[in-house]
């Protein structure tokens, strides 16, 4: 199976607001081994053809636990993760900085300054 088919199915799922886990990706690879993609149609050897949307619907019916809702489909995963992590970081206080000396202290001072300007 080519990565094009898997990418097409994953893209179709994202367009519908879903994220597919690795177990479902393995199922795609097994189901569509030897298949090819022509436009939005999957050509399955000795069985015929199938639209990507129809395959996705069938896959969701067979393995609903392998699909999860995207929280913010308009944002890339890495951007959403970084913004969520920034919100969880506690501020660096003067007491935190006072505990350290040398290079560690200078890094903490830099971090505290950058976090105060990023908010």
C-alpha atoms as a PDB file:
ATOM      1  CA  UNK A   1       0.000   0.000   0.000  1.00  0.00           C
ATOM      2  CA  UNK A   2       1.293   3.413  -0.784  1.00  0.00           C
ATOM      3  CA  UNK A   3       1.446   6.194   1.746  1.00  0.00           C
ATOM      4  CA  UNK A   4      -0.816   8.190  -0.568  1.00  0.00           C
ATOM      5  CA  UNK A   5      -3.828   6.071   0.370  1.00  0.00           C
ATOM      6  CA  UNK A   6      -3.117   6.319   4.078  1.00  0.00           C
ATOM      7  CA  UNK A   7      -2.571  10.074   3.752  1.00  0.00           C
ATOM      8  CA  UNK A   8      -5.852  10.417   1.841  1.00  0.00           C
ATOM      9  CA  UNK A   9      -7.787   8.558   4.550  1.00  0.00           C
ATOM     10  CA  UNK A  10      -6.116  10.544   7.348  1.00  0.00           C
ATOM     11  CA  UNK A  11      -6.817  13.814   5.516  1.00  0.00           C
ATOM     12  CA  UNK A  12     -10.450  12.851   5.024  1.00  0.00           C
ATOM     13  CA  UNK A  13     -10.720  12.048   8.739  1.00  0.00           C
ATOM     14  CA  UNK A  14      -9.161  15.403   9.678  1.00  0.00           C
ATOM     15  CA  UNK A  15     -11.567  17.184   7.353  1.00  0.00           C
ATOM     16  CA  UNK A  16     -14.397  15.567   9.298  1.00  0.00           C
ATOM     17  CA  UNK A  17     -12.794  16.622  12.616  1.00  0.00           C
ATOM     18  CA  UNK A  18     -11.293  13.278  13.626  1.00  0.00           C
ATOM     19  CA  UNK A  19      -7.809  12.037  14.452  1.00  0.00           C
ATOM     20  CA  UNK A  20      -6.946   8.393  13.738  1.00  0.00           C
ATOM     21  CA  UNK A  21      -4.804   6.354  16.143  1.00  0.00           C
ATOM     22  CA  UNK A  22      -2.000   3.982  15.142  1.00  0.00           C
ATOM     23  CA  UNK A  23      -4.129   0.822  15.468  1.00  0.00           C
ATOM     24  CA  UNK A  24      -6.552   2.152  12.863  1.00  0.00           C
ATOM     25  CA  UNK A  25      -3.610   3.103  10.628  1.00  0.00           C
ATOM     26  CA  UNK A  26      -2.484  -0.529  10.790  1.00  0.00           C
ATOM     27  CA  UNK A  27      -5.995  -1.615   9.841  1.00  0.00           C
ATOM     28  CA  UNK A  28      -5.856   0.703   6.830  1.00  0.00           C
ATOM     29  CA  UNK A  29      -2.544  -0.837   5.778  1.00  0.00           C
ATOM     30  CA  UNK A  30      -3.932  -4.366   6.090  1.00  0.00           C
ATOM     31  CA  UNK A  31      -7.271  -3.619   4.415  1.00  0.00           C
ATOM     32  CA  UNK A  32      -5.777  -1.771   1.477  1.00  0.00           C
ATOM     33  CA  UNK A  33      -2.572  -3.734   0.868  1.00  0.00           C
ATOM     34  CA  UNK A  34      -1.852  -3.727  -2.863  1.00  0.00           C
ATOM     35  CA  UNK A  35      -4.419  -1.033  -3.586  1.00  0.00           C
ATOM     36  CA  UNK A  36      -3.823   2.171  -5.491  1.00  0.00           C
ATOM     37  CA  UNK A  37      -5.304   5.650  -5.370  1.00  0.00           C
ATOM     38  CA  UNK A  38      -6.806   7.418  -8.345  1.00  0.00           C
ATOM     39  CA  UNK A  39      -8.204  10.811  -7.393  1.00  0.00           C
ATOM     40  CA  UNK A  40     -10.492  10.192  -4.435  1.00  0.00           C
ATOM     41  CA  UNK A  41     -11.113   6.565  -5.409  1.00  0.00           C
ATOM     42  CA  UNK A  42      -9.266   3.585  -3.953  1.00  0.00           C
ATOM     43  CA  UNK A  43      -8.749   0.805  -6.508  1.00  0.00           C
ATOM     44  CA  UNK A  44      -8.667  -2.544  -4.701  1.00  0.00           C
ATOM     45  CA  UNK A  45      -7.226  -5.420  -6.775  1.00  0.00           C
ATOM     46  CA  UNK A  46      -9.763  -8.146  -7.668  1.00  0.00           C
ATOM     47  CA  UNK A  47     -12.500  -6.368  -5.685  1.00  0.00           C
ATOM     48  CA  UNK A  48     -13.308  -3.089  -7.437  1.00  0.00           C
ATOM     49  CA  UNK A  49     -13.143   0.498  -6.288  1.00  0.00           C
ATOM     50  CA  UNK A  50     -14.227   2.480  -3.266  1.00  0.00           C
ATOM     51  CA  UNK A  51     -14.430   6.191  -2.476  1.00  0.00           C
ATOM     52  CA  UNK A  52     -12.138   7.395   0.336  1.00  0.00           C
ATOM     53  CA  UNK A  53     -15.133   8.883   2.195  1.00  0.00           C
ATOM     54  CA  UNK A  54     -17.020   5.564   2.021  1.00  0.00           C
ATOM     55  CA  UNK A  55     -13.986   3.640   3.297  1.00  0.00           C
ATOM     56  CA  UNK A  56     -13.563   6.144   6.122  1.00  0.00           C
ATOM     57  CA  UNK A  57     -17.230   5.768   7.118  1.00  0.00           C
ATOM     58  CA  UNK A  58     -16.894   1.965   7.125  1.00  0.00           C
ATOM     59  CA  UNK A  59     -13.672   2.156   9.109  1.00  0.00           C
ATOM     60  CA  UNK A  60     -15.313   4.413  11.703  1.00  0.00           C
ATOM     61  CA  UNK A  61     -18.235   1.976  12.005  1.00  0.00           C
ATOM     62  CA  UNK A  62     -15.848  -0.962  12.545  1.00  0.00           C
ATOM     63  CA  UNK A  63     -13.454   0.759  14.962  1.00  0.00           C
ATOM     64  CA  UNK A  64     -15.031   3.838  16.571  1.00  0.00           C
ATOM     65  CA  UNK A  65     -12.566   3.750  19.472  1.00  0.00           C
ATOM     66  CA  UNK A  66      -9.726   4.417  17.026  1.00  0.00           C
ATOM     67  CA  UNK A  67     -11.100   7.858  16.205  1.00  0.00           C
ATOM     68  CA  UNK A  68     -10.893  10.863  18.497  1.00  0.00           C
ATOM     69  CA  UNK A  69     -12.256  14.356  18.012  1.00  0.00           C
ATOM     70  CA  UNK A  70      -9.774  17.077  17.155  1.00  0.00           C
ATOM     71  CA  UNK A  71      -9.872  19.836  19.766  1.00  0.00           C
ATOM     72  CA  UNK A  72      -8.906  22.626  17.421  1.00  0.00           C
ATOM     73  CA  UNK A  73      -8.843  21.372  13.826  1.00  0.00           C
ATOM     74  CA  UNK A  74      -7.745  24.763  12.480  1.00  0.00           C
ATOM     75  CA  UNK A  75      -4.440  24.701  14.422  1.00  0.00           C
ATOM     76  CA  UNK A  76      -1.532  22.344  13.716  1.00  0.00           C
ATOM     77  CA  UNK A  77      -0.858  19.792  16.472  1.00  0.00           C
ATOM     78  CA  UNK A  78       2.575  21.162  17.337  1.00  0.00           C
ATOM     79  CA  UNK A  79       1.291  24.749  17.649  1.00  0.00           C
ATOM     80  CA  UNK A  80      -1.600  23.693  19.894  1.00  0.00           C
ATOM     81  CA  UNK A  81       0.733  21.636  22.096  1.00  0.00           C
ATOM     82  CA  UNK A  82       3.205  24.475  22.577  1.00  0.00           C
ATOM     83  CA  UNK A  83       0.461  26.957  23.462  1.00  0.00           C
ATOM     84  CA  UNK A  84      -1.077  24.516  25.928  1.00  0.00           C
ATOM     85  CA  UNK A  85       2.295  23.861  27.541  1.00  0.00           C
ATOM     86  CA  UNK A  86       2.959  27.580  27.957  1.00  0.00           C
ATOM     87  CA  UNK A  87      -0.297  27.963  29.836  1.00  0.00           C
ATOM     88  CA  UNK A  88       0.642  25.170  32.268  1.00  0.00           C
ATOM     89  CA  UNK A  89       4.088  26.506  33.182  1.00  0.00           C
ATOM     90  CA  UNK A  90       4.278  28.106  36.596  1.00  0.00           C
ATOM     91  CA  UNK A  91       5.929  31.526  36.699  1.00  0.00           C
ATOM     92  CA  UNK A  92       9.549  31.650  37.863  1.00  0.00           C
ATOM     93  CA  UNK A  93       9.727  33.649  41.083  1.00  0.00           C
ATOM     94  CA  UNK A  94      12.602  35.441  42.770  1.00  0.00           C
ATOM     95  CA  UNK A  95      12.652  32.660  45.394  1.00  0.00           C
ATOM     96  CA  UNK A  96      13.187  30.090  42.615  1.00  0.00           C
ATOM     97  CA  UNK A  97      16.077  32.097  41.192  1.00  0.00           C
ATOM     98  CA  UNK A  98      17.645  32.607  44.663  1.00  0.00           C
ATOM     99  CA  UNK A  99      18.046  28.829  45.100  1.00  0.00           C
ATOM    100  CA  UNK A 100      20.579  28.574  42.266  1.00  0.00           C
ATOM    101  CA  UNK A 101      23.932  30.055  41.257  1.00  0.00           C
ATOM    102  CA  UNK A 102      26.096  30.217  38.154  1.00  0.00           C
ATOM    103  CA  UNK A 103      24.856  29.047  34.785  1.00  0.00           C
ATOM    104  CA  UNK A 104      21.596  27.634  36.166  1.00  0.00           C
ATOM    105  CA  UNK A 105      20.745  30.970  37.745  1.00  0.00           C
ATOM    106  CA  UNK A 106      21.470  32.883  34.530  1.00  0.00           C
ATOM    107  CA  UNK A 107      19.266  30.470  32.562  1.00  0.00           C
ATOM    108  CA  UNK A 108      16.426  30.891  35.048  1.00  0.00           C
ATOM    109  CA  UNK A 109      16.723  34.682  34.798  1.00  0.00           C
ATOM    110  CA  UNK A 110      16.510  34.416  30.986  1.00  0.00           C
ATOM    111  CA  UNK A 111      13.523  32.056  31.203  1.00  0.00           C
ATOM    112  CA  UNK A 112      11.708  34.325  33.652  1.00  0.00           C
ATOM    113  CA  UNK A 113      12.264  37.304  31.361  1.00  0.00           C
ATOM    114  CA  UNK A 114      11.102  35.451  28.249  1.00  0.00           C
ATOM    115  CA  UNK A 115       7.996  34.086  29.959  1.00  0.00           C
ATOM    116  CA  UNK A 116       6.961  37.511  31.188  1.00  0.00           C
ATOM    117  CA  UNK A 117       7.252  38.969  27.662  1.00  0.00           C
ATOM    118  CA  UNK A 118       5.423  36.049  25.970  1.00  0.00           C
ATOM    119  CA  UNK A 119       2.251  36.426  27.989  1.00  0.00           C
END
